[in-house]
Amino acid sequence: MKIHFSIVGCLVVIFLAAVPRAIQAQTVPAPPPDRNPSSIKMTVGLVVLHATTENKKGVSVSGLDKGNFQVFEDGVAQRIEHFSHEDIPVTVGLVVDGSGSMRPKRADVISAARTFVQSSNDRDEMFVVNFNEHVSFGLPEDMPFTNKITPMQLAIERSPISGQTALYDAVSVALDRLKLGKHDKKVLIVISDGGDNASKHSNLKQIMTQAVESNAVIYAIGLFDESDVDRNPGVLKQLARATGGEFFQPEKIDDVIPLCAQIARDIRNQYTIAYTPTNAAADGAYRAIQVKAKAPGFNRLTVRTRPGYYAPGEKPPSTPAKSSTPKSALAPSAPLHLSTAHSEVQHGPLS
């Protein structure tokens, strides 16, 4: 039986709920914020984390300070050098499946994009990647980003609804575009209803490595039909978990609103934590990260962020992967990247 629900309802909640006063979050008394919290002075080796903290009921907890957190890398405690909890501007990429099976959902996607822009931070910058078996930037070539309603709507409308699904190519191209964004915090929202069956330039191992190295947070919404033979929720789930994001697969319309409220909390109510690793070896190895939080009045706090990163340098092919590397990262012996210059990315309608 087909799943019927509205993407409009989802993104309406994401960005209307993004206003801090509208977020139903549990709080503790807040300390004075760091100066200029929206900008971190980037230094060589600095690791930046965007962390979501929840109580045992899954309710977002705000108002914590630096002293409530501990960061561990490969089990070794790290000193937190930067800490903030602010609604900072974000570079956001909307990656939209334009394969033939998305036709019934197109109107909802367009309406959702309008709500996305209307409710976002005025300083956010956004872009659209449309894909079927081809990948296309929805915005014109001379407009890499926008925060305006009309260009974003047209960006999605330019995609014909036909063909197959080059999901891996699309995610790789979107991650490359995020690098051009001016904001420290970068997010992808991937909306798809099928597994990859048409990528020519990327595979799962490559995009998992690229995603882990990007420092982007990926949220994935799977709009799957039970009868779809190409459905593969595992891929979207791995992308989300490996980057500190979250995967959603609504089964009925009643599930959409609370799930999207969670995305809103993640985007607008995260803690930004940065540290310089005590392990300065440039060995290209994967470093596992764990963040813990404690605060008076809370029996247990859960912190969700990206589970690790690759150290600078190239790992020798003969060196086995460290046991701390999560299976979701699927790291190759040497990181692989897809350059947009070689991926036949179009500016304009997909063919």
C-alpha atoms as a PDB file:
ATOM      1  CA  MET A   1       0.000   0.000   0.000  1.00  0.00           C
ATOM      2  CA  LYS A   2       1.364   3.417  -0.926  1.00  0.00           C
ATOM      3  CA  ILE A   3       2.328   5.858   1.785  1.00  0.00           C
ATOM      4  CA  HIS A   4       0.489   9.161   1.407  1.00  0.00           C
ATOM      5  CA  PHE A   5       1.568  12.223   3.346  1.00  0.00           C
ATOM      6  CA  SER A   6       2.533  15.844   2.875  1.00  0.00           C
ATOM      7  CA  ILE A   7       6.112  17.060   2.608  1.00  0.00           C
ATOM      8  CA  VAL A   8       4.608  20.511   3.069  1.00  0.00           C
ATOM      9  CA  GLY A   9       3.526  19.639   6.587  1.00  0.00           C
ATOM     10  CA  CYS A  10       7.009  18.364   7.340  1.00  0.00           C
ATOM     11  CA  LEU A  11       9.038  21.391   6.286  1.00  0.00           C
ATOM     12  CA  VAL A  12       6.409  23.808   7.623  1.00  0.00           C
ATOM     13  CA  VAL A  13       7.086  22.358  11.042  1.00  0.00           C
ATOM     14  CA  ILE A  14      10.856  22.288  10.498  1.00  0.00           C
ATOM     15  CA  PHE A  15      11.205  25.981   9.887  1.00  0.00           C
ATOM     16  CA  LEU A  16       8.220  27.435  11.723  1.00  0.00           C
ATOM     17  CA  ALA A  17       9.382  25.487  14.735  1.00  0.00           C
ATOM     18  CA  ALA A  18      12.865  26.812  14.081  1.00  0.00           C
ATOM     19  CA  VAL A  19      12.012  30.041  15.905  1.00  0.00           C
ATOM     20  CA  PRO A  20      13.459  29.540  19.376  1.00  0.00           C
ATOM     21  CA  ARG A  21      10.318  30.696  21.211  1.00  0.00           C
ATOM     22  CA  ALA A  22       8.308  28.015  19.443  1.00  0.00           C
ATOM     23  CA  ILE A  23      10.595  25.132  20.362  1.00  0.00           C
ATOM     24  CA  GLN A  24       9.285  23.058  23.224  1.00  0.00           C
ATOM     25  CA  ALA A  25      12.622  22.320  24.888  1.00  0.00           C
ATOM     26  CA  GLN A  26      13.510  21.628  28.481  1.00  0.00           C
ATOM     27  CA  THR A  27      15.914  24.233  29.818  1.00  0.00           C
ATOM     28  CA  VAL A  28      18.303  24.886  32.650  1.00  0.00           C
ATOM     29  CA  PRO A  29      19.504  28.399  33.561  1.00  0.00           C
ATOM     30  CA  ALA A  30      21.563  29.671  30.626  1.00  0.00           C
ATOM     31  CA  PRO A  31      25.060  31.142  31.040  1.00  0.00           C
ATOM     32  CA  PRO A  32      26.185  34.254  29.134  1.00  0.00           C
ATOM     33  CA  PRO A  33      26.868  33.226  25.513  1.00  0.00           C
ATOM     34  CA  ASP A  34      30.316  33.359  23.949  1.00  0.00           C
ATOM     35  CA  ARG A  35      31.117  36.488  21.978  1.00  0.00           C
ATOM     36  CA  ASN A  36      30.388  36.190  18.265  1.00  0.00           C
ATOM     37  CA  PRO A  37      28.922  32.678  18.657  1.00  0.00           C
ATOM     38  CA  SER A  38      28.018  32.391  14.965  1.00  0.00           C
ATOM     39  CA  SER A  39      31.655  32.374  13.914  1.00  0.00           C
ATOM     40  CA  ILE A  40      34.456  30.103  15.067  1.00  0.00           C
ATOM     41  CA  LYS A  41      38.027  31.145  14.407  1.00  0.00           C
ATOM     42  CA  MET A  42      39.100  28.137  12.371  1.00  0.00           C
ATOM     43  CA  THR A  43      42.583  26.817  13.063  1.00  0.00           C
ATOM     44  CA  VAL A  44      44.486  23.849  11.701  1.00  0.00           C
ATOM     45  CA  GLY A  45      43.256  20.670  13.365  1.00  0.00           C
ATOM     46  CA  LEU A  46      40.189  22.212  15.010  1.00  0.00           C
ATOM     47  CA  VAL A  47      37.298  19.732  15.209  1.00  0.00           C
ATOM     48  CA  VAL A  48      33.837  21.340  15.221  1.00  0.00           C
ATOM     49  CA  LEU A  49      30.797  19.416  16.436  1.00  0.00           C
ATOM     50  CA  HIS A  50      27.088  20.279  16.271  1.00  0.00           C
ATOM     51  CA  ALA A  51      25.461  18.384  19.119  1.00  0.00           C
ATOM     52  CA  THR A  52      21.844  17.682  20.009  1.00  0.00           C
ATOM     53  CA  THR A  53      21.200  16.970  23.708  1.00  0.00           C
ATOM     54  CA  GLU A  54      18.059  15.199  24.924  1.00  0.00           C
ATOM     55  CA  ASN A  55      16.713  13.895  28.216  1.00  0.00           C
ATOM     56  CA  LYS A  56      15.581  10.311  28.699  1.00  0.00           C
ATOM     57  CA  LYS A  57      12.181  11.165  27.189  1.00  0.00           C
ATOM     58  CA  GLY A  58      13.739  12.463  23.983  1.00  0.00           C
ATOM     59  CA  VAL A  59      13.036  16.115  24.805  1.00  0.00           C
ATOM     60  CA  SER A  60      15.662  18.624  23.691  1.00  0.00           C
ATOM     61  CA  VAL A  61      17.550  20.187  26.602  1.00  0.00           C
ATOM     62  CA  SER A  62      18.776  23.775  26.254  1.00  0.00           C
ATOM     63  CA  GLY A  63      20.564  26.133  28.619  1.00  0.00           C
ATOM     64  CA  LEU A  64      23.562  23.886  29.314  1.00  0.00           C
ATOM     65  CA  ASP A  65      27.045  25.369  29.486  1.00  0.00           C
ATOM     66  CA  LYS A  66      30.519  24.170  28.573  1.00  0.00           C
ATOM     67  CA  GLY A  67      31.051  22.615  31.979  1.00  0.00           C
ATOM     68  CA  ASN A  68      28.174  20.211  31.410  1.00  0.00           C
ATOM     69  CA  PHE A  69      29.946  18.529  28.481  1.00  0.00           C
ATOM     70  CA  GLN A  70      32.855  16.149  28.074  1.00  0.00           C
ATOM     71  CA  VAL A  71      34.426  15.265  24.717  1.00  0.00           C
ATOM     72  CA  PHE A  72      36.431  12.115  24.108  1.00  0.00           C
ATOM     73  CA  GLU A  73      38.447  11.180  21.029  1.00  0.00           C
ATOM     74  CA  ASP A  74      39.381   7.504  20.810  1.00  0.00           C
ATOM     75  CA  GLY A  75      38.616   7.369  24.531  1.00  0.00           C
ATOM     76  CA  VAL A  76      40.907  10.273  25.479  1.00  0.00           C
ATOM     77  CA  ALA A  77      39.381  13.381  27.103  1.00  0.00           C
ATOM     78  CA  GLN A  78      39.707  16.597  25.065  1.00  0.00           C
ATOM     79  CA  ARG A  79      39.664  20.264  26.151  1.00  0.00           C
ATOM     80  CA  ILE A  80      36.707  22.210  24.771  1.00  0.00           C
ATOM     81  CA  GLU A  81      38.017  25.433  23.217  1.00  0.00           C
ATOM     82  CA  HIS A  82      34.791  26.892  21.855  1.00  0.00           C
ATOM     83  CA  PHE A  83      31.231  26.483  23.052  1.00  0.00           C
ATOM     84  CA  SER A  84      27.984  28.186  22.036  1.00  0.00           C
ATOM     85  CA  HIS A  85      24.247  27.563  21.892  1.00  0.00           C
ATOM     86  CA  GLU A  86      22.745  30.017  19.430  1.00  0.00           C
ATOM     87  CA  ASP A  87      20.484  30.056  16.359  1.00  0.00           C
ATOM     88  CA  ILE A  88      23.348  30.632  13.949  1.00  0.00           C
ATOM     89  CA  PRO A  89      22.956  31.044  10.166  1.00  0.00           C
ATOM     90  CA  VAL A  90      23.287  27.856   8.153  1.00  0.00           C
ATOM     91  CA  THR A  91      24.251  26.837   4.625  1.00  0.00           C
ATOM     92  CA  VAL A  92      21.498  24.417   3.594  1.00  0.00           C
ATOM     93  CA  GLY A  93      21.215  22.154   0.578  1.00  0.00           C
ATOM     94  CA  LEU A  94      17.871  20.624  -0.387  1.00  0.00           C
ATOM     95  CA  VAL A  95      18.524  17.431  -2.381  1.00  0.00           C
ATOM     96  CA  VAL A  96      15.309  16.465  -4.152  1.00  0.00           C
ATOM     97  CA  ASP A  97      14.564  13.207  -5.935  1.00  0.00           C
ATOM     98  CA  GLY A  98      13.097  13.956  -9.370  1.00  0.00           C
ATOM     99  CA  SER A  99      12.651  10.373 -10.550  1.00  0.00           C
ATOM    100  CA  GLY A 100       9.371   9.308 -12.099  1.00  0.00           C
ATOM    101  CA  SER A 101       7.952   7.860  -8.898  1.00  0.00           C
ATOM    102  CA  MET A 102       8.080  11.308  -7.238  1.00  0.00           C
ATOM    103  CA  ARG A 103       5.461  12.778  -9.582  1.00  0.00           C
ATOM    104  CA  PRO A 104       2.521  12.554  -7.102  1.00  0.00           C
ATOM    105  CA  LYS A 105       4.597  14.333  -4.439  1.00  0.00           C
ATOM    106  CA  ARG A 106       5.973  17.193  -6.548  1.00  0.00           C
ATOM    107  CA  ALA A 107       3.448  19.851  -5.523  1.00  0.00           C
ATOM    108  CA  ASP A 108       4.150  19.160  -1.873  1.00  0.00           C
ATOM    109  CA  VAL A 109       7.911  19.489  -2.395  1.00  0.00           C
ATOM    110  CA  ILE A 110       7.482  22.882  -4.083  1.00  0.00           C
ATOM    111  CA  SER A 111       5.222  24.151  -1.302  1.00  0.00           C
ATOM    112  CA  ALA A 112       7.660  22.853   1.286  1.00  0.00           C
ATOM    113  CA  ALA A 113      10.530  24.769  -0.306  1.00  0.00           C
ATOM    114  CA  ARG A 114       8.508  27.989  -0.069  1.00  0.00           C
ATOM    115  CA  THR A 115       7.856  27.405   3.626  1.00  0.00           C
ATOM    116  CA  PHE A 116      11.517  26.495   4.102  1.00  0.00           C
ATOM    117  CA  VAL A 117      12.624  29.928   2.876  1.00  0.00           C
ATOM    118  CA  GLN A 118       9.897  31.903   4.616  1.00  0.00           C
ATOM    119  CA  SER A 119      10.700  30.459   8.031  1.00  0.00           C
ATOM    120  CA  SER A 120      14.495  30.302   7.882  1.00  0.00           C
ATOM    121  CA  ASN A 121      17.077  32.631   9.375  1.00  0.00           C
ATOM    122  CA  ASP A 122      17.439  35.748   7.178  1.00  0.00           C
ATOM    123  CA  ARG A 123      21.162  35.054   6.906  1.00  0.00           C
ATOM    124  CA  ASP A 124      20.808  31.434   5.801  1.00  0.00           C
ATOM    125  CA  GLU A 125      21.967  30.549   2.310  1.00  0.00           C
ATOM    126  CA  MET A 126      20.259  27.746   0.388  1.00  0.00           C
ATOM    127  CA  PHE A 127      20.514  25.785  -2.823  1.00  0.00           C
ATOM    128  CA  VAL A 128      18.728  22.936  -4.581  1.00  0.00           C
ATOM    129  CA  VAL A 129      20.123  19.818  -6.216  1.00  0.00           C
ATOM    130  CA  ASN A 130      17.580  18.014  -8.390  1.00  0.00           C
ATOM    131  CA  PHE A 131      18.261  14.521  -9.600  1.00  0.00           C
ATOM    132  CA  ASN A 132      16.912  11.603 -11.549  1.00  0.00           C
ATOM    133  CA  GLU A 133      19.556   9.659 -13.490  1.00  0.00           C
ATOM    134  CA  HIS A 134      21.160  13.089 -14.039  1.00  0.00           C
ATOM    135  CA  VAL A 135      22.161  15.693 -11.457  1.00  0.00           C
ATOM    136  CA  SER A 136      21.291  19.367 -11.829  1.00  0.00           C
ATOM    137  CA  PHE A 137      21.666  22.523  -9.752  1.00  0.00           C
ATOM    138  CA  GLY A 138      18.226  24.074  -9.594  1.00  0.00           C
ATOM    139  CA  LEU A 139      19.442  27.657  -9.271  1.00  0.00           C
ATOM    140  CA  PRO A 140      20.993  29.542 -12.214  1.00  0.00           C
ATOM    141  CA  GLU A 141      24.741  29.262 -12.699  1.00  0.00           C
ATOM    142  CA  ASP A 142      25.331  32.828 -11.491  1.00  0.00           C
ATOM    143  CA  MET A 143      23.328  32.189  -8.269  1.00  0.00           C
ATOM    144  CA  PRO A 144      25.003  29.459  -6.198  1.00  0.00           C
ATOM    145  CA  PHE A 145      22.888  30.288  -3.114  1.00  0.00           C
ATOM    146  CA  THR A 146      19.750  32.217  -2.220  1.00  0.00           C
ATOM    147  CA  ASN A 147      17.382  32.912   0.664  1.00  0.00           C
ATOM    148  CA  LYS A 148      14.510  34.060  -1.553  1.00  0.00           C
ATOM    149  CA  ILE A 149      11.234  32.251  -2.143  1.00  0.00           C
ATOM    150  CA  THR A 150      10.857  32.585  -5.917  1.00  0.00           C
ATOM    151  CA  PRO A 151      14.305  31.289  -6.949  1.00  0.00           C
ATOM    152  CA  MET A 152      13.984  28.281  -4.624  1.00  0.00           C
ATOM    153  CA  GLN A 153      10.536  27.423  -5.973  1.00  0.00           C
ATOM    154  CA  LEU A 154      11.721  27.739  -9.562  1.00  0.00           C
ATOM    155  CA  ALA A 155      14.792  25.663  -8.717  1.00  0.00           C
ATOM    156  CA  ILE A 156      12.610  22.667  -7.928  1.00  0.00           C
ATOM    157  CA  GLU A 157      10.092  23.305 -10.715  1.00  0.00           C
ATOM    158  CA  ARG A 158      12.883  23.130 -13.292  1.00  0.00           C
ATOM    159  CA  SER A 159      13.270  19.417 -12.665  1.00  0.00           C
ATOM    160  CA  PRO A 160      11.159  17.136 -14.881  1.00  0.00           C
ATOM    161  CA  ILE A 161       9.706  14.174 -12.992  1.00  0.00           C
ATOM    162  CA  SER A 162      10.970  11.175 -14.917  1.00  0.00           C
ATOM    163  CA  GLY A 163      13.748   8.625 -15.071  1.00  0.00           C
ATOM    164  CA  GLN A 164      15.737   6.704 -12.484  1.00  0.00           C
ATOM    165  CA  THR A 165      17.547   7.582  -9.238  1.00  0.00           C
ATOM    166  CA  ALA A 166      21.219   8.690  -9.092  1.00  0.00           C
ATOM    167  CA  LEU A 167      21.147   9.291  -5.337  1.00  0.00           C
ATOM    168  CA  TYR A 168      24.874   8.848  -4.724  1.00  0.00           C
ATOM    169  CA  ASP A 169      25.881  11.290  -7.463  1.00  0.00           C
ATOM    170  CA  ALA A 170      23.399  13.873  -6.164  1.00  0.00           C
ATOM    171  CA  VAL A 171      24.564  13.685  -2.547  1.00  0.00           C
ATOM    172  CA  SER A 172      28.211  13.916  -3.625  1.00  0.00           C
ATOM    173  CA  VAL A 173      27.569  17.001  -5.755  1.00  0.00           C
ATOM    174  CA  ALA A 174      25.576  18.623  -2.927  1.00  0.00           C
ATOM    175  CA  LEU A 175      28.394  18.022  -0.444  1.00  0.00           C
ATOM    176  CA  ASP A 176      30.822  19.704  -2.845  1.00  0.00           C
ATOM    177  CA  ARG A 177      28.494  22.706  -3.170  1.00  0.00           C
ATOM    178  CA  LEU A 178      28.267  23.026   0.620  1.00  0.00           C
ATOM    179  CA  LYS A 179      32.009  23.700   0.697  1.00  0.00           C
ATOM    180  CA  LEU A 180      31.391  26.972  -1.143  1.00  0.00           C
ATOM    181  CA  GLY A 181      29.008  28.210   1.543  1.00  0.00           C
ATOM    182  CA  LYS A 182      30.138  31.026   3.836  1.00  0.00           C
ATOM    183  CA  HIS A 183      28.641  29.682   7.063  1.00  0.00           C
ATOM    184  CA  ASP A 184      30.443  27.322   9.431  1.00  0.00           C
ATOM    185  CA  LYS A 185      27.351  25.187   9.975  1.00  0.00           C
ATOM    186  CA  LYS A 186      26.268  23.179   6.943  1.00  0.00           C
ATOM    187  CA  VAL A 187      23.209  20.966   6.504  1.00  0.00           C
ATOM    188  CA  LEU A 188      21.778  18.728   3.799  1.00  0.00           C
ATOM    189  CA  ILE A 189      18.146  17.624   3.719  1.00  0.00           C
ATOM    190  CA  VAL A 190      17.734  14.666   1.353  1.00  0.00           C
ATOM    191  CA  ILE A 191      14.237  13.768   0.167  1.00  0.00           C
ATOM    192  CA  SER A 192      13.950  10.555  -1.823  1.00  0.00           C
ATOM    193  CA  ASP A 193      11.595   7.638  -2.356  1.00  0.00           C
ATOM    194  CA  GLY A 194      13.987   5.020  -3.697  1.00  0.00           C
ATOM    195  CA  GLY A 195      17.425   3.470  -3.595  1.00  0.00           C
ATOM    196  CA  ASP A 196      20.183   4.344  -6.043  1.00  0.00           C
ATOM    197  CA  ASN A 197      19.915   2.640  -9.420  1.00  0.00           C
ATOM    198  CA  ALA A 198      21.620   5.089 -11.789  1.00  0.00           C
ATOM    199  CA  SER A 199      24.758   6.727 -10.318  1.00  0.00           C
ATOM    200  CA  LYS A 200      27.708   6.790 -12.714  1.00  0.00           C
ATOM    201  CA  HIS A 201      30.333   8.718 -10.760  1.00  0.00           C
ATOM    202  CA  SER A 202      29.916   7.648  -7.127  1.00  0.00           C
ATOM    203  CA  ASN A 203      29.278   4.589  -5.019  1.00  0.00           C
ATOM    204  CA  LEU A 204      28.134   4.133  -1.444  1.00  0.00           C
ATOM    205  CA  LYS A 205      31.639   3.808  -0.019  1.00  0.00           C
ATOM    206  CA  GLN A 206      32.734   7.053  -1.656  1.00  0.00           C
ATOM    207  CA  ILE A 207      29.822   9.175  -0.497  1.00  0.00           C
ATOM    208  CA  MET A 208      30.017   7.815   3.043  1.00  0.00           C
ATOM    209  CA  THR A 209      33.673   8.857   3.224  1.00  0.00           C
ATOM    210  CA  GLN A 210      32.885  12.233   1.659  1.00  0.00           C
ATOM    211  CA  ALA A 211      30.004  12.806   4.080  1.00  0.00           C
ATOM    212  CA  VAL A 212      32.119  12.013   7.148  1.00  0.00           C
ATOM    213  CA  GLU A 213      34.871  14.379   5.969  1.00  0.00           C
ATOM    214  CA  SER A 214      32.474  17.208   5.120  1.00  0.00           C
ATOM    215  CA  ASN A 215      31.443  18.204   8.670  1.00  0.00           C
ATOM    216  CA  ALA A 216      27.901  18.571   7.269  1.00  0.00           C
ATOM    217  CA  VAL A 217      24.850  17.302   9.141  1.00  0.00           C
ATOM    218  CA  ILE A 218      22.569  15.228   6.902  1.00  0.00           C
ATOM    219  CA  TYR A 219      18.866  14.707   7.536  1.00  0.00           C
ATOM    220  CA  ALA A 220      17.115  12.200   5.315  1.00  0.00           C
ATOM    221  CA  ILE A 221      13.402  11.746   4.692  1.00  0.00           C
ATOM    222  CA  GLY A 222      12.464   8.461   3.046  1.00  0.00           C
ATOM    223  CA  LEU A 223       9.164   8.581   1.180  1.00  0.00           C
ATOM    224  CA  PHE A 224       9.030   4.893   0.380  1.00  0.00           C
ATOM    225  CA  ASP A 225       6.226   2.809  -1.042  1.00  0.00           C
ATOM    226  CA  GLU A 226       6.124  -0.759   0.201  1.00  0.00           C
ATOM    227  CA  SER A 227       5.781  -2.021  -3.373  1.00  0.00           C
ATOM    228  CA  ASP A 228       8.906  -0.204  -4.615  1.00  0.00           C
ATOM    229  CA  VAL A 229      11.579  -2.804  -5.443  1.00  0.00           C
ATOM    230  CA  ASP A 230      14.308  -0.117  -5.344  1.00  0.00           C
ATOM    231  CA  ARG A 231      13.510   1.139  -1.840  1.00  0.00           C
ATOM    232  CA  ASN A 232      16.636   1.117   0.304  1.00  0.00           C
ATOM    233  CA  PRO A 233      16.187   3.013   3.574  1.00  0.00           C
ATOM    234  CA  GLY A 234      19.523   1.698   4.843  1.00  0.00           C
ATOM    235  CA  VAL A 235      21.499   4.124   2.661  1.00  0.00           C
ATOM    236  CA  LEU A 236      19.702   7.239   3.937  1.00  0.00           C
ATOM    237  CA  LYS A 237      19.948   5.934   7.478  1.00  0.00           C
ATOM    238  CA  GLN A 238      23.729   5.458   7.195  1.00  0.00           C
ATOM    239  CA  LEU A 239      24.217   8.965   5.779  1.00  0.00           C
ATOM    240  CA  ALA A 240      22.276  10.508   8.647  1.00  0.00           C
ATOM    241  CA  ARG A 241      23.920   8.539  11.435  1.00  0.00           C
ATOM    242  CA  ALA A 242      27.468   9.011  10.129  1.00  0.00           C
ATOM    243  CA  THR A 243      27.060  12.817  10.175  1.00  0.00           C
ATOM    244  CA  GLY A 244      25.125  13.347  13.396  1.00  0.00           C
ATOM    245  CA  GLY A 245      21.812  13.886  11.593  1.00  0.00           C
ATOM    246  CA  GLU A 246      18.710  11.737  11.617  1.00  0.00           C
ATOM    247  CA  PHE A 247      16.696   9.538   9.284  1.00  0.00           C
ATOM    248  CA  PHE A 248      12.902   9.638   9.127  1.00  0.00           C
ATOM    249  CA  GLN A 249      10.572   7.203   7.402  1.00  0.00           C
ATOM    250  CA  PRO A 250       6.991   8.282   8.182  1.00  0.00           C
ATOM    251  CA  GLU A 251       4.389   5.541   7.907  1.00  0.00           C
ATOM    252  CA  LYS A 252       1.322   7.731   8.297  1.00  0.00           C
ATOM    253  CA  ILE A 253       0.530  11.425   8.271  1.00  0.00           C
ATOM    254  CA  ASP A 254       0.161  11.560  12.066  1.00  0.00           C
ATOM    255  CA  ASP A 255       3.883  10.789  12.346  1.00  0.00           C
ATOM    256  CA  VAL A 256       5.088  13.692  10.212  1.00  0.00           C
ATOM    257  CA  ILE A 257       4.596  16.610  12.625  1.00  0.00           C
ATOM    258  CA  PRO A 258       6.498  15.206  15.633  1.00  0.00           C
ATOM    259  CA  LEU A 259       9.312  13.919  13.416  1.00  0.00           C
ATOM    260  CA  CYS A 260       9.759  17.290  11.761  1.00  0.00           C
ATOM    261  CA  ALA A 261       9.694  19.019  15.111  1.00  0.00           C
ATOM    262  CA  GLN A 262      12.748  16.935  15.954  1.00  0.00           C
ATOM    263  CA  ILE A 263      14.525  18.155  12.818  1.00  0.00           C
ATOM    264  CA  ALA A 264      13.720  21.738  13.804  1.00  0.00           C
ATOM    265  CA  ARG A 265      15.276  21.222  17.219  1.00  0.00           C
ATOM    266  CA  ASP A 266      18.361  19.732  15.669  1.00  0.00           C
ATOM    267  CA  ILE A 267      18.921  22.552  13.181  1.00  0.00           C
ATOM    268  CA  ARG A 268      18.151  25.509  15.434  1.00  0.00           C
ATOM    269  CA  ASN A 269      18.787  24.241  18.942  1.00  0.00           C
ATOM    270  CA  GLN A 270      22.167  22.530  18.699  1.00  0.00           C
ATOM    271  CA  TYR A 271      25.261  23.162  20.767  1.00  0.00           C
ATOM    272  CA  THR A 272      28.427  24.032  18.871  1.00  0.00           C
ATOM    273  CA  ILE A 273      31.515  22.474  20.441  1.00  0.00           C
ATOM    274  CA  ALA A 274      35.071  22.750  19.126  1.00  0.00           C
ATOM    275  CA  TYR A 275      38.359  21.282  20.272  1.00  0.00           C
ATOM    276  CA  THR A 276      41.922  20.698  19.063  1.00  0.00           C
ATOM    277  CA  PRO A 277      42.725  16.968  19.297  1.00  0.00           C
ATOM    278  CA  THR A 278      45.507  15.872  21.632  1.00  0.00           C
ATOM    279  CA  ASN A 279      46.475  13.340  18.961  1.00  0.00           C
ATOM    280  CA  ALA A 280      48.186  15.477  16.319  1.00  0.00           C
ATOM    281  CA  ALA A 281      49.320  12.593  14.110  1.00  0.00           C
ATOM    282  CA  ALA A 282      48.606  13.257  10.418  1.00  0.00           C
ATOM    283  CA  ASP A 283      48.022   9.594   9.629  1.00  0.00           C
ATOM    284  CA  GLY A 284      44.671   9.769   7.805  1.00  0.00           C
ATOM    285  CA  ALA A 285      43.160   7.455  10.413  1.00  0.00           C
ATOM    286  CA  TYR A 286      39.565   7.516  11.576  1.00  0.00           C
ATOM    287  CA  ARG A 287      39.104   9.057  15.028  1.00  0.00           C
ATOM    288  CA  ALA A 288      36.041   8.076  17.041  1.00  0.00           C
ATOM    289  CA  ILE A 289      34.245  10.835  18.971  1.00  0.00           C
ATOM    290  CA  GLN A 290      32.039  10.549  22.013  1.00  0.00           C
ATOM    291  CA  VAL A 291      30.332  13.499  23.707  1.00  0.00           C
ATOM    292  CA  LYS A 292      28.806  13.157  27.164  1.00  0.00           C
ATOM    293  CA  ALA A 293      26.640  15.599  29.102  1.00  0.00           C
ATOM    294  CA  LYS A 294      25.665  15.845  32.765  1.00  0.00           C
ATOM    295  CA  ALA A 295      23.539  18.441  34.513  1.00  0.00           C
ATOM    296  CA  PRO A 296      21.804  18.746  37.897  1.00  0.00           C
ATOM    297  CA  GLY A 297      18.245  17.484  37.804  1.00  0.00           C
ATOM    298  CA  PHE A 298      18.790  15.087  34.893  1.00  0.00           C
ATOM    299  CA  ASN A 299      19.311  11.383  35.498  1.00  0.00           C
ATOM    300  CA  ARG A 300      20.515  10.785  31.969  1.00  0.00           C
ATOM    301  CA  LEU A 301      21.304  13.023  29.012  1.00  0.00           C
ATOM    302  CA  THR A 302      21.931  11.717  25.511  1.00  0.00           C
ATOM    303  CA  VAL A 303      24.154  13.642  23.081  1.00  0.00           C
ATOM    304  CA  ARG A 304      23.941  13.022  19.353  1.00  0.00           C
ATOM    305  CA  THR A 305      26.645  14.335  17.049  1.00  0.00           C
ATOM    306  CA  ARG A 306      28.867  12.946  14.333  1.00  0.00           C
ATOM    307  CA  PRO A 307      30.595   9.792  15.593  1.00  0.00           C
ATOM    308  CA  GLY A 308      34.038  10.594  14.200  1.00  0.00           C
ATOM    309  CA  TYR A 309      36.237  12.091  11.525  1.00  0.00           C
ATOM    310  CA  TYR A 310      39.306  11.344   9.412  1.00  0.00           C
ATOM    311  CA  ALA A 311      42.590  12.843  10.550  1.00  0.00           C
ATOM    312  CA  PRO A 312      44.572  14.788   7.935  1.00  0.00           C
ATOM    313  CA  GLY A 313      47.016  12.846   5.811  1.00  0.00           C
ATOM    314  CA  GLU A 314      46.679   9.743   3.711  1.00  0.00           C
ATOM    315  CA  LYS A 315      46.429   6.391   5.377  1.00  0.00           C
ATOM    316  CA  PRO A 316      48.810   3.793   3.862  1.00  0.00           C
ATOM    317  CA  PRO A 317      46.857   1.168   1.853  1.00  0.00           C
ATOM    318  CA  SER A 318      48.413  -1.594   3.906  1.00  0.00           C
ATOM    319  CA  THR A 319      47.168  -0.148   7.193  1.00  0.00           C
ATOM    320  CA  PRO A 320      43.997  -1.935   8.352  1.00  0.00           C
ATOM    321  CA  ALA A 321      40.996   0.150   9.363  1.00  0.00           C
ATOM    322  CA  LYS A 322      40.834   0.897  13.077  1.00  0.00           C
ATOM    323  CA  SER A 323      38.254  -1.047  15.009  1.00  0.00           C
ATOM    324  CA  SER A 324      36.751   2.253  16.204  1.00  0.00           C
ATOM    325  CA  THR A 325      35.624   3.147  12.696  1.00  0.00           C
ATOM    326  CA  PRO A 326      31.828   2.757  12.551  1.00  0.00           C
ATOM    327  CA  LYS A 327      30.437   0.424   9.940  1.00  0.00           C
ATOM    328  CA  SER A 328      28.311   3.302   8.691  1.00  0.00           C
ATOM    329  CA  ALA A 329      31.406   5.187   7.583  1.00  0.00           C
ATOM    330  CA  LEU A 330      32.428   2.421   5.175  1.00  0.00           C
ATOM    331  CA  ALA A 331      35.858   3.995   4.816  1.00  0.00           C
ATOM    332  CA  PRO A 332      38.004   3.023   1.809  1.00  0.00           C
ATOM    333  CA  SER A 333      41.761   2.601   2.275  1.00  0.00           C
ATOM    334  CA  ALA A 334      42.244   6.160   0.985  1.00  0.00           C
ATOM    335  CA  PRO A 335      39.502   8.830   0.975  1.00  0.00           C
ATOM    336  CA  LEU A 336      37.892   9.291  -2.426  1.00  0.00           C
ATOM    337  CA  HIS A 337      36.167  12.416  -3.648  1.00  0.00           C
ATOM    338  CA  LEU A 338      33.892  13.266  -6.536  1.00  0.00           C
ATOM    339  CA  SER A 339      34.739  16.614  -8.092  1.00  0.00           C
ATOM    340  CA  THR A 340      31.823  18.507  -9.562  1.00  0.00           C
ATOM    341  CA  ALA A 341      34.072  19.298 -12.513  1.00  0.00           C
ATOM    342  CA  HIS A 342      33.911  15.648 -13.533  1.00  0.00           C
ATOM    343  CA  SER A 343      30.343  14.768 -12.631  1.00  0.00           C
ATOM    344  CA  GLU A 344      28.416  16.294 -15.527  1.00  0.00           C
ATOM    345  CA  VAL A 345      26.447  18.603 -13.272  1.00  0.00           C
ATOM    346  CA  GLN A 346      23.973  20.763 -15.126  1.00  0.00           C
ATOM    347  CA  HIS A 347      22.610  24.217 -14.339  1.00  0.00           C
ATOM    348  CA  GLY A 348      19.004  24.097 -15.405  1.00  0.00           C
ATOM    349  CA  PRO A 349      16.447  21.403 -16.218  1.00  0.00           C
ATOM    350  CA  LEU A 350      17.406  17.765 -16.103  1.00  0.00           C
ATOM    351  CA  SER A 351      17.283  15.987 -19.419  1.00  0.00           C
END
